[in-house]
Amino acid sequence: MGQKRTIQGVVVSNKTPKTITVELTSYKKHPKYKKRVSFKAKYYAHDENNIANVGDVVTIEECRPLSALKRFKLVSVDKKALEDIKVMEEREVEELLHKEEKEEGEGAKEEE
């Protein structure tokens, strides 16, 4: 048998248990217009220990069919995401609430 295909991409979703969705973005040349066109491909990969998070750059490897869609397994997490997206959203909401509270406090002081 030949070499197993390995792909490096970004984790887009890890909502399902033991499964991650990896997106690969690359470019092809359009046959008629000769311009560079981007395209995306999604791959479902098996993540036994649920170690990959959204935004991580991972390497996946081809394997036997594990389910109707899963044909890859997680080999390694190459680069961790800076922060989890949910954590970032929560921080932004908290900052906005603090700013509004400060503005309301200042407005009340000026009225007195």
N, C-alpha and C. Protein backbone atom coordinates (compact mmCIF):
# COMPACT_ATOMS: atom_id res chain seq x y z
N MET A 1 0.82 -1.19 0.00
CA MET A 1 0.00 0.00 0.00
C MET A 1 0.86 1.25 0.00
N GLY A 2 0.28 2.33 -0.49
CA GLY A 2 1.02 3.59 -0.58
C GLY A 2 1.00 4.38 0.71
N GLN A 3 1.59 5.54 0.62
CA GLN A 3 1.66 6.45 1.75
C GLN A 3 0.28 6.99 2.08
N LYS A 4 -0.04 7.12 3.36
CA LYS A 4 -1.32 7.70 3.76
C LYS A 4 -1.25 9.21 3.60
N ARG A 5 -2.33 9.79 3.14
CA ARG A 5 -2.40 11.22 2.88
C ARG A 5 -2.52 11.99 4.19
N THR A 6 -1.71 13.02 4.37
CA THR A 6 -1.80 13.89 5.55
C THR A 6 -2.17 15.29 5.10
N ILE A 7 -2.98 15.94 5.91
CA ILE A 7 -3.49 17.27 5.60
C ILE A 7 -3.32 18.15 6.82
N GLN A 8 -2.93 19.40 6.59
CA GLN A 8 -2.83 20.36 7.68
C GLN A 8 -3.88 21.43 7.46
N GLY A 9 -4.71 21.66 8.49
CA GLY A 9 -5.77 22.64 8.37
C GLY A 9 -6.16 23.22 9.71
N VAL A 10 -7.21 24.03 9.71
CA VAL A 10 -7.67 24.71 10.91
C VAL A 10 -8.96 24.07 11.39
N VAL A 11 -9.07 23.86 12.70
CA VAL A 11 -10.28 23.28 13.28
C VAL A 11 -11.37 24.34 13.26
N VAL A 12 -12.51 24.00 12.65
CA VAL A 12 -13.63 24.91 12.54
C VAL A 12 -14.68 24.59 13.60
N SER A 13 -14.83 23.30 13.94
CA SER A 13 -15.85 22.90 14.91
C SER A 13 -15.37 21.68 15.69
N ASN A 14 -15.73 21.64 16.97
CA ASN A 14 -15.46 20.46 17.79
C ASN A 14 -16.67 20.14 18.66
N LYS A 15 -17.86 20.43 18.15
CA LYS A 15 -19.08 20.27 18.93
C LYS A 15 -19.47 18.81 19.11
N THR A 16 -19.24 17.99 18.12
CA THR A 16 -19.62 16.59 18.26
C THR A 16 -18.55 15.84 19.05
N PRO A 17 -18.96 14.86 19.86
CA PRO A 17 -17.96 14.15 20.68
C PRO A 17 -17.02 13.31 19.83
N LYS A 18 -15.72 13.42 20.12
CA LYS A 18 -14.65 12.67 19.46
C LYS A 18 -14.55 12.95 17.96
N THR A 19 -15.09 14.07 17.52
CA THR A 19 -15.02 14.45 16.10
C THR A 19 -14.68 15.92 15.98
N ILE A 20 -13.79 16.24 15.05
CA ILE A 20 -13.49 17.64 14.74
C ILE A 20 -13.72 17.86 13.25
N THR A 21 -14.05 19.08 12.92
CA THR A 21 -14.20 19.47 11.52
C THR A 21 -13.01 20.35 11.18
N VAL A 22 -12.25 19.93 10.17
CA VAL A 22 -11.04 20.64 9.77
C VAL A 22 -11.28 21.26 8.41
N GLU A 23 -10.95 22.55 8.27
CA GLU A 23 -11.14 23.24 7.00
C GLU A 23 -9.79 23.53 6.38
N LEU A 24 -9.69 23.21 5.11
CA LEU A 24 -8.47 23.45 4.34
C LEU A 24 -8.78 24.51 3.29
N THR A 25 -8.06 25.61 3.32
CA THR A 25 -8.25 26.69 2.36
C THR A 25 -7.03 26.73 1.45
N SER A 26 -7.26 26.67 0.15
CA SER A 26 -6.15 26.77 -0.79
C SER A 26 -6.63 27.46 -2.07
N TYR A 27 -5.75 27.58 -3.02
CA TYR A 27 -6.04 28.32 -4.24
C TYR A 27 -5.82 27.44 -5.46
N LYS A 28 -6.64 27.67 -6.49
CA LYS A 28 -6.47 27.03 -7.79
C LYS A 28 -6.55 28.11 -8.85
N LYS A 29 -5.96 27.82 -9.99
CA LYS A 29 -6.02 28.75 -11.11
C LYS A 29 -7.26 28.42 -11.93
N HIS A 30 -8.06 29.45 -12.24
CA HIS A 30 -9.26 29.24 -13.04
C HIS A 30 -8.85 28.87 -14.46
N PRO A 31 -9.45 27.80 -15.03
CA PRO A 31 -9.00 27.34 -16.35
C PRO A 31 -9.20 28.36 -17.48
N LYS A 32 -10.28 29.13 -17.42
CA LYS A 32 -10.56 30.06 -18.51
C LYS A 32 -9.95 31.44 -18.25
N TYR A 33 -10.16 31.96 -17.04
CA TYR A 33 -9.77 33.34 -16.76
C TYR A 33 -8.37 33.47 -16.18
N LYS A 34 -7.74 32.37 -15.87
CA LYS A 34 -6.35 32.34 -15.40
C LYS A 34 -6.12 33.17 -14.14
N LYS A 35 -7.18 33.33 -13.34
CA LYS A 35 -7.04 34.05 -12.09
C LYS A 35 -7.01 33.05 -10.94
N ARG A 36 -6.45 33.49 -9.84
CA ARG A 36 -6.36 32.64 -8.66
C ARG A 36 -7.69 32.68 -7.92
N VAL A 37 -8.28 31.50 -7.69
CA VAL A 37 -9.57 31.39 -7.03
C VAL A 37 -9.39 30.56 -5.77
N SER A 38 -9.91 31.06 -4.64
CA SER A 38 -9.78 30.30 -3.40
C SER A 38 -10.92 29.30 -3.29
N PHE A 39 -10.64 28.17 -2.67
CA PHE A 39 -11.67 27.19 -2.40
C PHE A 39 -11.41 26.58 -1.04
N LYS A 40 -12.49 26.06 -0.44
CA LYS A 40 -12.40 25.47 0.89
C LYS A 40 -12.88 24.03 0.82
N ALA A 41 -12.25 23.18 1.62
CA ALA A 41 -12.67 21.79 1.73
C ALA A 41 -12.78 21.45 3.21
N LYS A 42 -13.85 20.75 3.60
CA LYS A 42 -14.05 20.34 4.98
C LYS A 42 -13.79 18.85 5.11
N TYR A 43 -13.09 18.50 6.17
CA TYR A 43 -12.82 17.11 6.47
C TYR A 43 -13.24 16.84 7.91
N TYR A 44 -13.86 15.69 8.13
CA TYR A 44 -14.22 15.27 9.47
C TYR A 44 -13.16 14.28 9.95
N ALA A 45 -12.63 14.53 11.16
CA ALA A 45 -11.55 13.70 11.67
C ALA A 45 -11.89 13.20 13.07
N HIS A 46 -11.35 12.04 13.39
CA HIS A 46 -11.56 11.42 14.70
C HIS A 46 -10.56 11.98 15.69
N ASP A 47 -11.07 12.50 16.81
CA ASP A 47 -10.24 13.06 17.88
C ASP A 47 -10.59 12.29 19.16
N GLU A 48 -9.85 11.23 19.43
CA GLU A 48 -10.18 10.31 20.52
C GLU A 48 -10.26 11.00 21.88
N ASN A 49 -9.32 11.88 22.20
CA ASN A 49 -9.25 12.47 23.53
C ASN A 49 -9.82 13.89 23.60
N ASN A 50 -10.44 14.36 22.54
CA ASN A 50 -11.02 15.71 22.48
C ASN A 50 -10.00 16.78 22.87
N ILE A 51 -8.82 16.74 22.25
CA ILE A 51 -7.76 17.69 22.61
C ILE A 51 -7.74 18.92 21.70
N ALA A 52 -8.33 18.84 20.52
CA ALA A 52 -8.30 19.96 19.58
C ALA A 52 -9.46 20.91 19.85
N ASN A 53 -9.18 22.21 19.79
CA ASN A 53 -10.19 23.23 19.98
C ASN A 53 -10.33 24.07 18.72
N VAL A 54 -11.38 24.87 18.67
CA VAL A 54 -11.63 25.72 17.51
C VAL A 54 -10.48 26.70 17.35
N GLY A 55 -9.96 26.81 16.13
CA GLY A 55 -8.88 27.73 15.84
C GLY A 55 -7.50 27.08 15.83
N ASP A 56 -7.39 25.86 16.33
CA ASP A 56 -6.11 25.16 16.35
C ASP A 56 -5.71 24.73 14.94
N VAL A 57 -4.43 24.76 14.66
CA VAL A 57 -3.91 24.21 13.40
C VAL A 57 -3.49 22.77 13.70
N VAL A 58 -4.08 21.82 12.95
CA VAL A 58 -3.86 20.41 13.23
C VAL A 58 -3.40 19.67 11.97
N THR A 59 -2.82 18.49 12.19
CA THR A 59 -2.48 17.59 11.10
C THR A 59 -3.35 16.36 11.24
N ILE A 60 -4.02 15.98 10.15
CA ILE A 60 -4.86 14.79 10.15
C ILE A 60 -4.33 13.82 9.10
N GLU A 61 -4.61 12.54 9.32
CA GLU A 61 -4.10 11.48 8.44
C GLU A 61 -5.25 10.59 7.98
N GLU A 62 -5.19 10.18 6.74
CA GLU A 62 -6.19 9.31 6.16
C GLU A 62 -6.19 7.95 6.85
N CYS A 63 -7.38 7.39 7.05
CA CYS A 63 -7.49 6.07 7.67
C CYS A 63 -8.73 5.36 7.11
N ARG A 64 -9.01 4.22 7.66
CA ARG A 64 -10.19 3.47 7.20
C ARG A 64 -11.45 4.26 7.56
N PRO A 65 -12.57 4.01 6.90
CA PRO A 65 -13.80 4.73 7.24
C PRO A 65 -14.24 4.44 8.67
N LEU A 66 -14.41 5.49 9.45
CA LEU A 66 -14.82 5.35 10.85
C LEU A 66 -16.31 5.58 11.03
N SER A 67 -16.92 6.32 10.11
CA SER A 67 -18.36 6.55 10.12
C SER A 67 -18.77 6.95 8.71
N ALA A 68 -19.98 7.46 8.58
CA ALA A 68 -20.47 7.83 7.26
C ALA A 68 -19.63 8.95 6.64
N LEU A 69 -19.10 9.84 7.47
CA LEU A 69 -18.32 10.98 6.96
C LEU A 69 -16.85 10.96 7.35
N LYS A 70 -16.51 10.33 8.47
CA LYS A 70 -15.13 10.40 8.98
C LYS A 70 -14.22 9.43 8.24
N ARG A 71 -13.17 10.00 7.63
CA ARG A 71 -12.18 9.20 6.92
C ARG A 71 -10.76 9.57 7.35
N PHE A 72 -10.64 10.42 8.37
CA PHE A 72 -9.35 10.88 8.84
C PHE A 72 -9.27 10.75 10.35
N LYS A 73 -8.04 10.73 10.86
CA LYS A 73 -7.83 10.74 12.31
C LYS A 73 -6.82 11.83 12.64
N LEU A 74 -6.91 12.35 13.85
CA LEU A 74 -6.03 13.42 14.30
C LEU A 74 -4.65 12.85 14.61
N VAL A 75 -3.63 13.47 14.04
CA VAL A 75 -2.25 13.04 14.29
C VAL A 75 -1.62 13.93 15.35
N SER A 76 -1.71 15.26 15.17
CA SER A 76 -1.10 16.18 16.12
C SER A 76 -1.77 17.54 16.05
N VAL A 77 -1.66 18.27 17.17
CA VAL A 77 -2.08 19.67 17.21
C VAL A 77 -0.81 20.48 17.04
N ASP A 78 -0.67 21.12 15.87
CA ASP A 78 0.57 21.82 15.54
C ASP A 78 0.67 23.18 16.22
N LYS A 79 -0.44 23.91 16.25
CA LYS A 79 -0.42 25.25 16.83
C LYS A 79 -1.74 25.49 17.54
N LYS A 80 -1.66 25.78 18.82
CA LYS A 80 -2.87 26.04 19.59
C LYS A 80 -3.41 27.43 19.24
N ALA A 81 -4.74 27.58 19.32
CA ALA A 81 -5.36 28.87 19.10
C ALA A 81 -4.97 29.81 20.24
N LEU A 82 -4.92 31.09 19.94
CA LEU A 82 -4.54 32.05 20.97
C LEU A 82 -5.52 32.01 22.14
N GLU A 83 -6.79 32.04 21.84
CA GLU A 83 -7.81 31.95 22.87
C GLU A 83 -9.03 31.29 22.29
N ASP A 84 -9.80 30.67 23.14
CA ASP A 84 -11.05 30.07 22.70
C ASP A 84 -12.01 31.20 22.29
N ILE A 85 -12.76 31.00 21.25
CA ILE A 85 -13.65 32.04 20.72
C ILE A 85 -14.70 32.42 21.76
N LYS A 86 -15.25 31.45 22.46
CA LYS A 86 -16.27 31.75 23.47
C LYS A 86 -15.71 32.62 24.59
N VAL A 87 -14.49 32.35 25.00
CA VAL A 87 -13.86 33.14 26.05
C VAL A 87 -13.68 34.58 25.58
N MET A 88 -13.26 34.74 24.33
CA MET A 88 -13.09 36.08 23.78
C MET A 88 -14.41 36.83 23.74
N GLU A 89 -15.49 36.16 23.32
CA GLU A 89 -16.80 36.80 23.24
C GLU A 89 -17.28 37.22 24.63
N GLU A 90 -17.07 36.35 25.63
CA GLU A 90 -17.49 36.68 26.99
C GLU A 90 -16.75 37.90 27.51
N ARG A 91 -15.46 37.98 27.24
CA ARG A 91 -14.67 39.14 27.68
C ARG A 91 -15.17 40.42 27.03
N GLU A 92 -15.48 40.37 25.73
CA GLU A 92 -15.96 41.55 25.04
C GLU A 92 -17.27 42.03 25.63
N VAL A 93 -18.18 41.10 25.94
CA VAL A 93 -19.47 41.46 26.53
C VAL A 93 -19.26 42.11 27.89
N GLU A 94 -18.37 41.52 28.71
CA GLU A 94 -18.09 42.08 30.03
C GLU A 94 -17.51 43.49 29.92
N GLU A 95 -16.60 43.71 28.97
CA GLU A 95 -16.01 45.03 28.78
C GLU A 95 -17.07 46.06 28.39
N LEU A 96 -17.98 45.68 27.51
CA LEU A 96 -19.05 46.60 27.10
C LEU A 96 -19.95 46.94 28.28
N LEU A 97 -20.27 45.94 29.10
CA LEU A 97 -21.11 46.20 30.27
C LEU A 97 -20.41 47.15 31.25
N HIS A 98 -19.12 46.96 31.47
CA HIS A 98 -18.37 47.84 32.37
C HIS A 98 -18.33 49.27 31.83
N LYS A 99 -18.15 49.42 30.53
CA LYS A 99 -18.13 50.76 29.93
C LYS A 99 -19.48 51.46 30.12
N GLU A 100 -20.58 50.71 29.90
CA GLU A 100 -21.91 51.29 30.06
C GLU A 100 -22.16 51.70 31.50
N GLU A 101 -21.71 50.86 32.46
CA GLU A 101 -21.89 51.19 33.88
C GLU A 101 -21.12 52.45 34.24
N LYS A 102 -19.89 52.59 33.72
CA LYS A 102 -19.09 53.77 34.00
C LYS A 102 -19.75 55.03 33.43
N GLU A 103 -20.26 54.92 32.20
CA GLU A 103 -20.91 56.06 31.56
C GLU A 103 -22.16 56.48 32.33
N GLU A 104 -22.94 55.51 32.80
CA GLU A 104 -24.14 55.81 33.57
C GLU A 104 -23.76 56.47 34.89
N GLY A 105 -22.69 55.99 35.53
CA GLY A 105 -22.21 56.58 36.78
C GLY A 105 -21.77 58.01 36.60
N GLU A 106 -21.07 58.30 35.53
CA GLU A 106 -20.61 59.66 35.26
C GLU A 106 -21.78 60.58 34.95
N GLY A 107 -22.77 60.07 34.23
CA GLY A 107 -23.97 60.87 33.91
C GLY A 107 -24.75 61.23 35.15
N ALA A 108 -24.83 60.34 36.13
CA ALA A 108 -25.54 60.60 37.37
C ALA A 108 -24.80 61.65 38.20
N LYS A 109 -23.48 61.64 38.19
CA LYS A 109 -22.68 62.62 38.95
C LYS A 109 -22.86 64.03 38.38
N GLU A 110 -22.94 64.14 37.06
CA GLU A 110 -23.09 65.45 36.42
C GLU A 110 -24.44 66.07 36.73
N GLU A 111 -25.49 65.26 36.89
CA GLU A 111 -26.83 65.77 37.19
C GLU A 111 -26.89 66.35 38.58
N GLU A 112 -26.12 65.85 39.51
CA GLU A 112 -26.15 66.35 40.89
C GLU A 112 -25.46 67.63 40.99
